[in-house]
Amino acid sequence: MLPIMWFLYLDESGDLGFDFFGKKPTRFFTVTILALRDTRNNRHLINAVKKTIRRKRRQKTNA
């Protein structure tokens, strides 16, 4: 039996409340983790992200 390959993507938004040089810290700190179970699912995600980026670039040049 082949081992299962997991792909983990982590993204954070906000800051931890450190106030360097008078910056106002954000009120919230959010962490999101996306876990994909195998290579096929990861490939689908990569293709969807590439498609979205291409679409957004096209909209930006047409604007």
Protein backbone atom coordinates (compact mmCIF):
# COMPACT_ATOMS: atom_id res chain seq x y z
CA MET A 1 0.00 0.00 0.00
CA LEU A 2 1.33 3.42 -0.98
CA PRO A 3 1.63 6.10 1.71
CA ILE A 4 -0.80 9.01 1.52
CA MET A 5 0.76 12.34 0.56
CA TRP A 6 -0.71 15.38 2.32
CA PHE A 7 -0.38 18.94 0.99
CA LEU A 8 -0.86 21.70 3.58
CA TYR A 9 -1.33 25.37 2.75
CA LEU A 10 -1.31 27.94 5.54
CA ASP A 11 -2.24 31.62 5.28
CA GLU A 12 -2.41 34.28 7.96
CA SER A 13 -3.98 37.69 8.05
CA GLY A 14 -3.48 40.45 10.58
CA ASP A 15 -0.69 40.93 13.07
CA LEU A 16 0.11 39.72 16.55
CA GLY A 17 -0.45 43.14 18.13
CA PHE A 18 3.11 44.40 18.15
CA ASP A 19 3.04 48.17 17.79
CA PHE A 20 6.27 49.11 16.02
CA PHE A 21 6.71 52.88 15.61
CA GLY A 22 3.11 53.89 16.18
CA LYS A 23 1.37 51.52 13.76
CA LYS A 24 -2.08 50.57 14.87
CA PRO A 25 -2.35 46.77 15.21
CA THR A 26 -5.25 44.95 13.62
CA ARG A 27 -8.09 43.84 15.82
CA PHE A 28 -8.02 40.21 14.66
CA PHE A 29 -5.41 37.63 13.71
CA THR A 30 -6.71 34.83 11.47
CA VAL A 31 -5.02 31.60 10.42
CA THR A 32 -6.42 29.37 7.69
CA ILE A 33 -5.13 25.90 6.83
CA LEU A 34 -6.12 23.98 3.72
CA ALA A 35 -5.28 20.26 3.80
CA LEU A 36 -5.38 18.24 0.57
CA ARG A 37 -5.05 14.49 0.72
CA ASP A 38 -3.33 13.51 -2.51
CA THR A 39 -1.45 14.72 -5.57
CA ARG A 40 -4.55 14.76 -7.78
CA ASN A 41 -6.41 17.14 -5.45
CA ASN A 42 -3.34 19.34 -5.20
CA ARG A 43 -3.05 19.48 -9.01
CA HIS A 44 -6.74 20.54 -9.25
CA LEU A 45 -6.11 23.35 -6.75
CA ILE A 46 -3.00 24.55 -8.59
CA ASN A 47 -4.88 24.62 -11.92
CA ALA A 48 -7.80 26.52 -10.34
CA VAL A 49 -5.44 29.14 -8.87
CA LYS A 50 -3.64 29.57 -12.20
CA LYS A 51 -6.97 29.96 -13.99
CA THR A 52 -8.11 32.60 -11.49
CA ILE A 53 -4.87 34.56 -11.81
CA ARG A 54 -5.07 34.51 -15.62
CA ARG A 55 -8.67 35.75 -15.46
CA LYS A 56 -7.80 38.58 -13.07
CA ARG A 57 -4.83 39.67 -15.19
CA ARG A 58 -7.05 39.74 -18.27
CA GLN A 59 -9.63 41.90 -16.46
CA LYS A 60 -6.91 44.29 -15.30
CA THR A 61 -5.52 44.81 -18.82
CA ASN A 62 -9.01 45.34 -20.27
CA ALA A 63 -9.94 47.94 -17.63
